[in-house]
Amino acid sequence: MTATWGVKSERDRAIADYSEAIRLNPKDAVAFNNRGNLWKDKRDLDRAFADYNEAIRLNPKYSMAYNNRGLAWNAKRDLDRAISDYDEAIRLDPKYAPAYNNRGIAWKDMGQLDRAISDYDVAIRLDPKNALARSNRGSSWRTKRDFDRAITDYNEAIRLDPNYLAAITGRGLAYESKGERDRARANFEMALALPPKYDSGKWAQDTARTRLALLPPAKTPSVVAPGPSPAISTDRIALVIGNGAYVNAPHLPNPPNDARAIGRALRGIGFTVIDGTDLDHNGMERTIVDFLRKASLARIALVFYAGHGVQIDGKNYLVPIDAKSMMRSTVTFELIDVDRILASLDDEARANIIILDACRDNPLETRLATRSAARGAGLAGYSTVASGMLIAYAMAPGMTAADGTGQNSPFTTALVKHIGTPGLEINQLLNRVRKDVVDATSRQQIPWTNSSLLGDVVLTDGKPSAAAHP
């Protein structure tokens, strides 16, 4: 009965059945393991750990329980403990393919792609019909930007499981990164036409829907869209916007200066920059869409925004210069949803860096305040960010960033100072920026970051670029 309840997602009834089985036989390690799986599915990880621990205590050689506890550690983002449990599962049963696949996922989340691929190789050798391992290996190849190998793995995963949405969307992303937009579109449409499957189904459909909205119209069904122009580098691409000339609020003098300074600095280290200053709603939408379309081809995508930014009901928004209000009823029409930008950049095959030197105004005010205003709820923090993404604020969530008394804000001044440092990993770069801002503001402003980047990301190798001159 318990297995049936689980399949029907009636987890509470399944848990009750396993609890009764445990009451009748307190030494039933399998019942503890299976109940732990249900608690894990319900995201009640503490109870899941308790059951897995008991299953392992009752049967120290229970490789499946170690594997499942590893999955729980993975869900808690404690990847070292997850890998330790997968190691033990593999030691106990060297032919247990799921443990290799799951350890591969953990290695990938830690940015160790070669180790991940090695584990997927073993999982596939042990279980040649394992569509999940094929798709996961495809994702690792895509993260390494070896798109042809990725597509080969996705093709085999889809052959093994024609309704595997994550593999279909992944294949679409690989085609899009190659500039083959018609093939990408066909895959995204296929993912949306099928019923959701597995835990990754929602991600697959949400991503397919987002990418379809950004793809330019198809020319003809038989024509493959050309790749990027060889005259334009899309290896590193940036969106830079600075808004200060607000129509319905006092002007902010520095954001346009900040955007121009960051744009020059990024061009100087070889970025292709799509930029704009003092943009209204339509101008921001056009500029952002242009950037998001080109970002699919990039290895690093960076967004820098200076100007007003607010949170409303826990969501963050950027404020165009023609915004009239920040009321809940008008937010969709007046403001730019940061979450929509993040969703469009949610692709771990690329390093995505979001930097917001933005105001933290009261989200319920109908008029805009200055960026240096001390009052307001601040931008909302992100407790988690998508794999391959870093979000940096000029100030901690809930606090106000200074506009500055010079040509640039304290945050932008520090960022321009360090952004061209050769070989400096992005987190180290932002640590230096943080120290400079803290010193410049007498500890009144402390920048904040949240990162799920896969491995080290360096913005420049130090080679000069002619793009440094506008």
Protein backbone atom coordinates (compact mmCIF):
# COMPACT_ATOMS: atom_id res chain seq x y z
CA MET A 1 0.00 0.00 0.00
CA THR A 2 2.82 2.43 0.87
CA ALA A 3 4.34 2.37 -2.61
CA THR A 4 0.94 3.12 -4.14
CA TRP A 5 0.40 6.11 -1.84
CA GLY A 6 3.80 7.49 -2.83
CA VAL A 7 3.08 7.21 -6.54
CA LYS A 8 -0.18 9.07 -6.05
CA SER A 9 1.67 11.81 -4.16
CA GLU A 10 -0.51 11.12 -1.16
CA ARG A 11 2.58 11.38 0.96
CA ASP A 12 0.86 11.89 4.28
CA ARG A 13 -1.01 8.60 3.98
CA ALA A 14 2.18 6.87 2.85
CA ILE A 15 4.04 8.29 5.85
CA ALA A 16 1.27 7.00 8.11
CA ASP A 17 1.63 3.52 6.61
CA TYR A 18 5.41 3.49 7.06
CA SER A 19 5.00 4.76 10.61
CA GLU A 20 2.69 1.86 11.36
CA ALA A 21 5.17 -0.56 9.77
CA ILE A 22 7.90 0.87 12.00
CA ARG A 23 5.69 0.56 15.07
CA LEU A 24 5.12 -3.08 14.27
CA ASN A 25 8.82 -3.67 13.48
CA PRO A 26 11.14 -0.99 14.91
CA LYS A 27 14.13 -2.67 13.22
CA ASP A 28 12.78 -2.28 9.69
CA ALA A 29 15.57 -0.25 8.05
CA VAL A 30 13.77 -0.21 4.70
CA ALA A 31 10.69 1.42 6.24
CA PHE A 32 12.85 4.14 7.83
CA ASN A 33 14.61 4.75 4.51
CA ASN A 34 11.37 4.94 2.56
CA ARG A 35 9.71 7.23 5.10
CA GLY A 36 12.83 9.41 4.92
CA ASN A 37 12.34 9.69 1.16
CA LEU A 38 8.81 10.97 1.71
CA TRP A 39 9.93 13.51 4.29
CA LYS A 40 12.60 14.63 1.80
CA ASP A 41 9.99 15.03 -0.91
CA LYS A 42 7.98 17.18 1.50
CA ARG A 43 11.13 19.26 2.16
CA ASP A 44 11.03 18.28 5.84
CA LEU A 45 14.75 17.57 5.85
CA ASP A 46 15.26 17.25 9.60
CA ARG A 47 12.79 14.38 9.75
CA ALA A 48 14.31 12.88 6.62
CA PHE A 49 17.78 12.92 8.19
CA ALA A 50 16.44 11.32 11.36
CA ASP A 51 14.95 8.43 9.36
CA TYR A 52 18.03 7.93 7.17
CA ASN A 53 20.26 7.97 10.26
CA GLU A 54 18.13 5.28 11.87
CA ALA A 55 18.08 3.18 8.69
CA ILE A 56 21.89 3.34 8.56
CA ARG A 57 22.19 2.55 12.27
CA LEU A 58 20.03 -0.53 11.79
CA ASN A 59 21.88 -1.56 8.63
CA PRO A 60 25.35 0.04 8.31
CA LYS A 61 25.78 -1.56 4.87
CA TYR A 62 22.59 -0.04 3.45
CA SER A 63 24.05 1.75 0.40
CA MET A 64 20.69 3.11 -0.74
CA ALA A 65 20.14 4.88 2.59
CA TYR A 66 23.55 6.56 2.26
CA ASN A 67 22.67 7.63 -1.27
CA ASN A 68 19.30 9.02 -0.18
CA ARG A 69 20.82 10.86 2.77
CA GLY A 70 23.28 12.34 0.28
CA LEU A 71 20.33 13.67 -1.70
CA ALA A 72 19.00 15.31 1.45
CA TRP A 73 22.37 16.93 2.11
CA ASN A 74 22.36 18.11 -1.50
CA ALA A 75 18.91 19.65 -0.97
CA LYS A 76 20.36 21.46 2.05
CA ARG A 77 23.30 22.62 -0.13
CA ASP A 78 25.82 20.87 2.11
CA LEU A 79 27.68 19.38 -0.84
CA ASP A 80 30.68 18.10 1.10
CA ARG A 81 28.47 15.91 3.30
CA ALA A 82 26.47 14.84 0.25
CA ILE A 83 29.61 13.67 -1.51
CA SER A 84 30.76 11.85 1.64
CA ASP A 85 27.52 9.87 1.70
CA TYR A 86 27.71 9.10 -2.03
CA ASP A 87 31.30 7.93 -1.51
CA GLU A 88 30.14 5.52 1.18
CA ALA A 89 27.25 4.26 -0.96
CA ILE A 90 29.71 3.54 -3.79
CA ARG A 91 32.20 1.89 -1.43
CA LEU A 92 29.46 -0.44 -0.20
CA ASP A 93 28.13 -1.11 -3.70
CA PRO A 94 30.56 -0.17 -6.52
CA LYS A 95 27.91 -1.00 -9.13
CA TYR A 96 25.21 1.30 -7.69
CA ALA A 97 24.69 3.64 -10.67
CA PRO A 98 22.39 6.20 -8.94
CA ALA A 99 25.12 7.09 -6.43
CA TYR A 100 27.54 7.89 -9.27
CA ASN A 101 24.92 10.03 -10.99
CA ASN A 102 24.06 11.88 -7.78
CA ARG A 103 27.71 12.43 -6.88
CA GLY A 104 28.14 13.82 -10.37
CA ILE A 105 25.38 16.35 -9.65
CA ALA A 106 27.15 17.42 -6.46
CA TRP A 107 30.49 17.77 -8.24
CA LYS A 108 28.80 19.85 -10.93
CA ASP A 109 27.20 22.10 -8.32
CA MET A 110 30.67 22.62 -6.87
CA GLY A 111 31.97 23.64 -10.30
CA GLN A 112 34.11 20.50 -10.69
CA LEU A 113 32.82 19.57 -14.12
CA ASP A 114 35.48 17.01 -15.06
CA ARG A 115 34.78 15.01 -11.90
CA ALA A 116 31.04 15.29 -12.62
CA ILE A 117 31.46 13.97 -16.17
CA SER A 118 33.65 11.12 -14.90
CA ASP A 119 30.90 10.03 -12.51
CA TYR A 120 28.23 10.31 -15.20
CA ASP A 121 30.43 8.16 -17.44
CA VAL A 122 30.43 5.39 -14.82
CA ALA A 123 26.68 5.72 -14.21
CA ILE A 124 26.02 5.34 -17.94
CA ARG A 125 28.42 2.40 -18.25
CA LEU A 126 26.66 0.63 -15.37
CA ASP A 127 23.20 1.52 -16.66
CA PRO A 128 23.23 2.30 -20.41
CA LYS A 129 19.50 3.10 -20.33
CA ASN A 130 19.89 5.81 -17.69
CA ALA A 131 18.36 8.85 -19.40
CA LEU A 132 18.92 10.99 -16.31
CA ALA A 133 22.69 10.46 -16.32
CA ARG A 134 22.80 11.15 -20.08
CA SER A 135 20.93 14.43 -19.62
CA ASN A 136 23.05 15.42 -16.65
CA ARG A 137 26.23 14.75 -18.60
CA GLY A 138 24.79 16.82 -21.43
CA SER A 139 24.27 19.69 -19.00
CA SER A 140 27.88 19.44 -17.87
CA TRP A 141 29.12 19.49 -21.45
CA ARG A 142 26.90 22.53 -22.05
CA THR A 143 28.37 24.26 -18.99
CA LYS A 144 31.82 23.54 -20.45
CA ARG A 145 30.44 25.09 -23.67
CA ASP A 146 31.01 21.91 -25.66
CA PHE A 147 27.60 22.18 -27.26
CA ASP A 148 27.97 19.39 -29.80
CA ARG A 149 28.74 16.82 -27.10
CA ALA A 150 25.89 18.22 -25.04
CA ILE A 151 23.45 17.78 -27.91
CA THR A 152 24.66 14.21 -28.49
CA ASP A 153 23.91 13.35 -24.85
CA TYR A 154 20.56 15.13 -24.88
CA ASN A 155 19.61 13.25 -28.07
CA GLU A 156 20.30 9.92 -26.41
CA ALA A 157 18.46 10.92 -23.22
CA ILE A 158 15.42 11.88 -25.30
CA ARG A 159 15.64 8.64 -27.31
CA LEU A 160 15.59 6.71 -24.04
CA ASP A 161 12.80 8.87 -22.58
CA PRO A 162 10.92 10.89 -25.25
CA ASN A 163 9.05 12.90 -22.60
CA TYR A 164 12.14 13.98 -20.65
CA LEU A 165 11.49 17.73 -20.60
CA ALA A 166 14.78 18.76 -18.99
CA ALA A 167 16.73 17.09 -21.80
CA ILE A 168 14.51 18.69 -24.45
CA THR A 169 14.90 22.18 -22.97
CA GLY A 170 18.63 21.58 -22.40
CA ARG A 171 19.02 20.64 -26.05
CA GLY A 172 17.15 23.82 -27.00
CA LEU A 173 19.53 25.90 -24.86
CA ALA A 174 22.52 24.22 -26.51
CA TYR A 175 21.16 25.01 -29.97
CA GLU A 176 20.44 28.60 -28.93
CA SER A 177 24.00 28.99 -27.66
CA LYS A 178 25.22 27.80 -31.07
CA GLY A 179 23.08 30.47 -32.74
CA GLU A 180 20.72 27.85 -34.24
CA ARG A 181 17.59 29.62 -33.12
CA ASP A 182 15.03 27.74 -35.21
CA ARG A 183 16.20 24.44 -33.75
CA ALA A 184 16.15 25.99 -30.29
CA ARG A 185 12.60 27.20 -30.85
CA ALA A 186 11.46 23.74 -31.98
CA ASN A 187 12.82 22.20 -28.78
CA PHE A 188 11.28 24.82 -26.51
CA GLU A 189 7.90 24.38 -28.22
CA MET A 190 8.23 20.60 -27.83
CA ALA A 191 8.92 20.98 -24.09
CA LEU A 192 5.81 23.12 -23.66
CA ALA A 193 3.63 20.69 -25.62
CA LEU A 194 4.41 17.73 -23.34
CA PRO A 195 3.08 17.06 -19.83
CA PRO A 196 5.47 17.96 -16.96
CA LYS A 197 7.62 15.04 -15.87
CA TYR A 198 10.00 14.61 -12.94
CA ASP A 199 10.99 17.35 -10.51
CA SER A 200 12.82 19.16 -13.32
CA GLY A 201 9.66 19.45 -15.45
CA LYS A 202 8.62 22.83 -14.07
CA TRP A 203 12.09 24.28 -14.61
CA ALA A 204 12.14 22.91 -18.14
CA GLN A 205 8.81 24.44 -19.09
CA ASP A 206 9.43 27.76 -17.32
CA THR A 207 12.80 28.07 -19.07
CA ALA A 208 11.37 27.07 -22.46
CA ARG A 209 8.60 29.65 -22.09
CA THR A 210 11.06 32.38 -21.11
CA ARG A 211 13.46 31.63 -23.96
CA LEU A 212 10.67 31.45 -26.54
CA ALA A 213 9.52 34.93 -25.54
CA LEU A 214 13.03 36.25 -26.20
CA LEU A 215 13.74 34.54 -29.51
CA PRO A 216 13.23 36.73 -32.58
CA PRO A 217 10.44 35.65 -34.97
CA ALA A 218 11.25 32.64 -37.12
CA LYS A 219 12.03 33.35 -40.75
CA THR A 220 10.83 30.09 -42.24
CA PRO A 221 10.57 26.63 -40.67
CA SER A 222 13.41 25.37 -42.86
CA VAL A 223 15.87 28.20 -42.31
CA VAL A 224 18.38 28.03 -39.49
CA ALA A 225 19.09 31.47 -38.05
CA PRO A 226 22.69 32.59 -38.54
CA GLY A 227 25.11 32.71 -35.66
CA PRO A 228 26.52 35.93 -34.23
CA SER A 229 28.40 38.31 -36.44
CA PRO A 230 32.13 37.55 -36.33
CA ALA A 231 32.75 41.29 -35.95
CA ILE A 232 31.08 41.33 -32.52
CA SER A 233 32.46 39.37 -29.57
CA THR A 234 29.71 37.69 -27.56
CA ASP A 235 32.05 35.74 -25.27
CA ARG A 236 31.53 38.40 -22.59
CA ILE A 237 28.51 40.66 -22.81
CA ALA A 238 27.13 43.31 -20.48
CA LEU A 239 23.94 45.29 -20.00
CA VAL A 240 24.61 48.69 -18.40
CA ILE A 241 21.80 51.10 -17.51
CA GLY A 242 21.89 54.31 -15.46
CA ASN A 243 18.68 56.20 -14.75
CA GLY A 244 18.72 59.64 -13.14
CA ALA A 245 16.46 62.06 -15.05
CA TYR A 246 13.23 60.99 -13.33
CA VAL A 247 10.14 62.84 -14.51
CA ASN A 248 8.08 62.46 -11.34
CA ALA A 249 10.85 62.63 -8.74
CA PRO A 250 14.01 64.64 -8.04
CA HIS A 251 16.81 63.95 -10.50
CA LEU A 252 19.67 61.69 -9.47
CA PRO A 253 22.91 63.16 -10.85
CA ASN A 254 25.18 60.13 -10.59
CA PRO A 255 23.51 57.03 -12.14
CA PRO A 256 24.12 58.11 -15.78
CA ASN A 257 27.74 58.92 -14.82
CA ASP A 258 27.98 55.53 -13.09
CA ALA A 259 26.68 53.71 -16.16
CA ARG A 260 29.07 55.51 -18.49
CA ALA A 261 32.03 54.78 -16.21
CA ILE A 262 31.15 51.08 -15.91
CA GLY A 263 30.50 50.83 -19.65
CA ARG A 264 33.94 52.27 -20.44
CA ALA A 265 35.60 49.97 -17.91
CA LEU A 266 33.89 46.87 -19.30
CA ARG A 267 34.71 47.76 -22.90
CA GLY A 268 38.27 48.26 -21.77
CA ILE A 269 38.52 44.62 -20.68
CA GLY A 270 36.88 43.22 -23.80
CA PHE A 271 33.16 43.12 -23.01
CA THR A 272 30.53 43.83 -25.61
CA VAL A 273 28.36 46.43 -23.86
CA ILE A 274 24.70 47.16 -24.50
CA ASP A 275 24.00 50.34 -22.58
CA GLY A 276 21.58 53.16 -22.05
CA THR A 277 21.02 56.12 -19.76
CA ASP A 278 17.83 57.83 -18.62
CA LEU A 279 15.59 55.21 -20.20
CA ASP A 280 11.82 55.21 -20.01
CA HIS A 281 9.85 51.98 -19.63
CA ASN A 282 9.78 51.17 -23.34
CA GLY A 283 13.46 52.00 -23.70
CA MET A 284 14.41 49.74 -20.80
CA GLU A 285 12.32 46.88 -22.18
CA ARG A 286 13.91 47.14 -25.63
CA THR A 287 17.44 47.36 -24.24
CA ILE A 288 16.96 44.45 -21.84
CA VAL A 289 15.44 42.21 -24.52
CA ASP A 290 18.30 43.02 -26.91
CA PHE A 291 20.80 42.03 -24.22
CA LEU A 292 18.97 38.85 -23.20
CA ARG A 293 18.81 37.63 -26.78
CA LYS A 294 22.56 38.05 -27.21
CA ALA A 295 23.40 36.69 -23.75
CA SER A 296 22.50 33.17 -24.86
CA LEU A 297 25.74 33.14 -26.89
CA ALA A 298 27.98 34.40 -24.08
CA ARG A 299 30.28 32.75 -21.58
CA ILE A 300 29.85 35.63 -19.11
CA ALA A 301 26.79 37.89 -18.94
CA LEU A 302 26.94 40.91 -16.65
CA VAL A 303 24.14 43.31 -15.70
CA PHE A 304 24.87 46.67 -14.06
CA TYR A 305 22.06 49.00 -13.05
CA ALA A 306 22.29 52.37 -11.28
CA GLY A 307 19.18 54.32 -10.35
CA HIS A 308 16.03 53.81 -8.37
CA GLY A 309 15.17 50.27 -7.30
CA VAL A 310 12.41 49.12 -4.97
CA GLN A 311 10.84 46.02 -3.51
CA ILE A 312 7.12 45.47 -3.50
CA ASP A 313 5.67 42.46 -1.75
CA GLY A 314 9.14 40.89 -1.55
CA LYS A 315 9.95 41.32 -5.24
CA ASN A 316 12.55 43.68 -6.66
CA TYR A 317 11.92 46.20 -9.42
CA LEU A 318 13.99 48.71 -11.39
CA VAL A 319 12.41 52.12 -11.95
CA PRO A 320 12.28 53.71 -15.44
CA ILE A 321 12.50 57.51 -15.57
CA ASP A 322 8.82 57.87 -16.61
CA ALA A 323 7.40 55.83 -13.70
CA LYS A 324 4.49 57.62 -12.07
CA SER A 325 3.87 55.43 -9.05
CA MET A 326 4.92 52.29 -7.25
CA MET A 327 1.46 51.09 -6.29
CA ARG A 328 0.73 47.37 -6.31
CA SER A 329 -1.99 47.85 -8.91
CA THR A 330 0.35 49.54 -11.41
CA VAL A 331 3.64 47.79 -10.77
CA THR A 332 3.43 45.58 -13.87
CA PHE A 333 3.00 48.59 -16.13
CA GLU A 334 5.30 51.05 -14.38
CA LEU A 335 8.38 49.09 -13.29
CA ILE A 336 10.85 46.47 -14.56
CA ASP A 337 10.71 43.14 -12.74
CA VAL A 338 14.20 42.01 -11.67
CA ASP A 339 12.99 38.42 -11.27
CA ARG A 340 12.09 38.34 -14.96
CA ILE A 341 15.65 39.26 -15.87
CA LEU A 342 17.02 36.64 -13.49
CA ALA A 343 14.72 33.98 -14.95
CA SER A 344 15.87 34.85 -18.47
CA LEU A 345 19.50 34.47 -17.40
CA ASP A 346 18.92 31.20 -15.52
CA ASP A 347 21.40 29.07 -17.42
CA GLU A 348 24.37 27.51 -15.65
CA ALA A 349 26.23 27.15 -18.96
CA ARG A 350 27.04 30.83 -18.50
CA ALA A 351 28.33 32.90 -15.57
CA ASN A 352 25.60 35.45 -14.83
CA ILE A 353 26.60 38.46 -12.72
CA ILE A 354 23.94 40.97 -11.58
CA ILE A 355 25.17 44.19 -9.95
CA LEU A 356 22.60 46.64 -8.57
CA ASP A 357 23.74 50.07 -7.43
CA ALA A 358 20.16 50.98 -6.72
CA CYS A 359 18.01 52.96 -4.31
CA ARG A 360 16.02 51.34 -1.50
CA ASP A 361 12.86 53.45 -1.37
CA ASN A 362 9.61 52.77 0.45
CA PRO A 363 7.75 50.40 -1.92
CA LEU A 364 4.34 51.74 -0.91
CA GLU A 365 5.05 55.40 -1.66
CA THR A 366 3.30 56.74 -4.73
CA ARG A 367 6.11 59.23 -5.32
CA LEU A 368 9.78 58.43 -5.77
CA ALA A 369 12.39 59.51 -3.25
CA THR A 370 16.07 60.24 -3.76
CA ARG A 371 18.48 57.36 -3.97
CA SER A 372 20.24 58.47 -0.79
CA ALA A 373 17.05 58.62 1.28
CA ALA A 374 17.46 56.91 4.62
CA ARG A 375 13.91 55.62 4.82
CA GLY A 376 12.48 52.64 2.99
CA ALA A 377 12.26 48.86 3.14
CA GLY A 378 15.21 48.25 0.82
CA LEU A 379 15.64 45.77 -1.98
CA ALA A 380 14.66 42.22 -1.08
CA GLY A 381 17.50 39.78 -0.54
CA TYR A 382 17.69 36.43 -2.31
CA SER A 383 18.19 33.51 0.07
CA THR A 384 19.13 31.33 -2.90
CA VAL A 385 20.12 32.11 -6.47
CA ALA A 386 20.19 29.91 -9.54
CA SER A 387 23.31 27.86 -10.28
CA GLY A 388 25.79 29.90 -12.27
CA MET A 389 24.57 33.26 -10.93
CA LEU A 390 25.91 35.98 -8.63
CA ILE A 391 23.87 38.92 -7.36
CA ALA A 392 25.64 41.92 -5.85
CA TYR A 393 23.98 44.87 -4.12
CA ALA A 394 25.67 48.18 -3.38
CA MET A 395 24.16 47.84 0.09
CA ALA A 396 22.83 45.00 2.22
CA PRO A 397 19.15 44.11 1.71
CA GLY A 398 16.85 46.48 3.55
CA MET A 399 19.38 49.30 3.64
CA THR A 400 20.03 52.41 1.53
CA ALA A 401 22.93 52.92 -0.85
CA ALA A 402 24.51 56.37 -1.15
CA ASP A 403 24.36 58.32 -4.40
CA GLY A 404 27.67 59.98 -3.57
CA THR A 405 28.91 63.56 -3.57
CA GLY A 406 31.37 63.15 -6.43
CA GLN A 407 30.93 62.14 -10.06
CA ASN A 408 30.07 58.56 -9.09
CA SER A 409 28.53 56.64 -6.22
CA PRO A 410 30.95 55.13 -3.68
CA PHE A 411 30.10 51.65 -4.95
CA THR A 412 30.68 52.48 -8.63
CA THR A 413 33.90 54.32 -7.78
CA ALA A 414 35.25 51.19 -6.10
CA LEU A 415 33.96 48.88 -8.83
CA VAL A 416 35.64 50.90 -11.60
CA LYS A 417 38.88 50.87 -9.58
CA HIS A 418 39.04 47.07 -9.38
CA ILE A 419 37.10 45.72 -12.36
CA GLY A 420 40.10 45.83 -14.69
CA THR A 421 42.47 43.99 -12.36
CA PRO A 422 43.88 41.05 -14.39
CA GLY A 423 43.17 37.54 -13.12
CA LEU A 424 41.04 38.70 -10.17
CA GLU A 425 38.21 36.25 -9.42
CA ILE A 426 34.82 38.02 -9.22
CA ASN A 427 34.23 37.24 -5.55
CA GLN A 428 37.68 38.56 -4.66
CA LEU A 429 36.98 41.62 -6.80
CA LEU A 430 33.74 42.31 -4.92
CA ASN A 431 35.50 41.78 -1.59
CA ARG A 432 37.91 44.58 -2.53
CA VAL A 433 34.98 46.74 -3.60
CA ARG A 434 33.26 46.07 -0.29
CA LYS A 435 36.31 47.17 1.70
CA ASP A 436 36.69 50.38 -0.29
CA VAL A 437 32.99 51.26 0.11
CA VAL A 438 33.08 50.55 3.85
CA ASP A 439 36.12 52.80 4.22
CA ALA A 440 34.69 55.56 2.01
CA THR A 441 31.38 55.67 3.87
CA SER A 442 32.75 55.20 7.42
CA ARG A 443 30.98 51.82 7.58
CA GLN A 444 27.60 53.37 6.73
CA GLN A 445 27.35 51.28 3.54
CA ILE A 446 28.35 47.61 3.32
CA PRO A 447 27.86 45.93 -0.09
CA TRP A 448 26.33 42.46 -0.16
CA THR A 449 26.60 39.48 -2.50
CA ASN A 450 24.99 36.07 -2.94
CA SER A 451 26.70 33.65 -5.29
CA SER A 452 26.03 30.23 -6.77
CA LEU A 453 28.67 30.52 -9.48
CA LEU A 454 30.10 27.20 -10.65
CA GLY A 455 33.84 27.62 -10.24
CA ASP A 456 36.02 30.72 -10.47
CA VAL A 457 34.99 33.55 -12.79
CA VAL A 458 37.58 36.08 -13.98
CA LEU A 459 36.38 39.11 -15.93
CA THR A 460 39.71 39.90 -17.60
CA ASP A 461 43.02 38.22 -18.32
CA GLY A 462 44.69 41.61 -18.56
CA LYS A 463 45.01 41.86 -22.34
CA PRO A 464 44.27 45.42 -23.51
CA SER A 465 41.26 46.08 -25.70
CA ALA A 466 40.65 48.83 -28.23
CA ALA A 467 37.08 48.90 -26.95
CA ALA A 468 38.33 50.88 -23.96
CA HIS A 469 37.83 54.06 -25.97
CA PRO A 470 34.21 55.02 -26.67
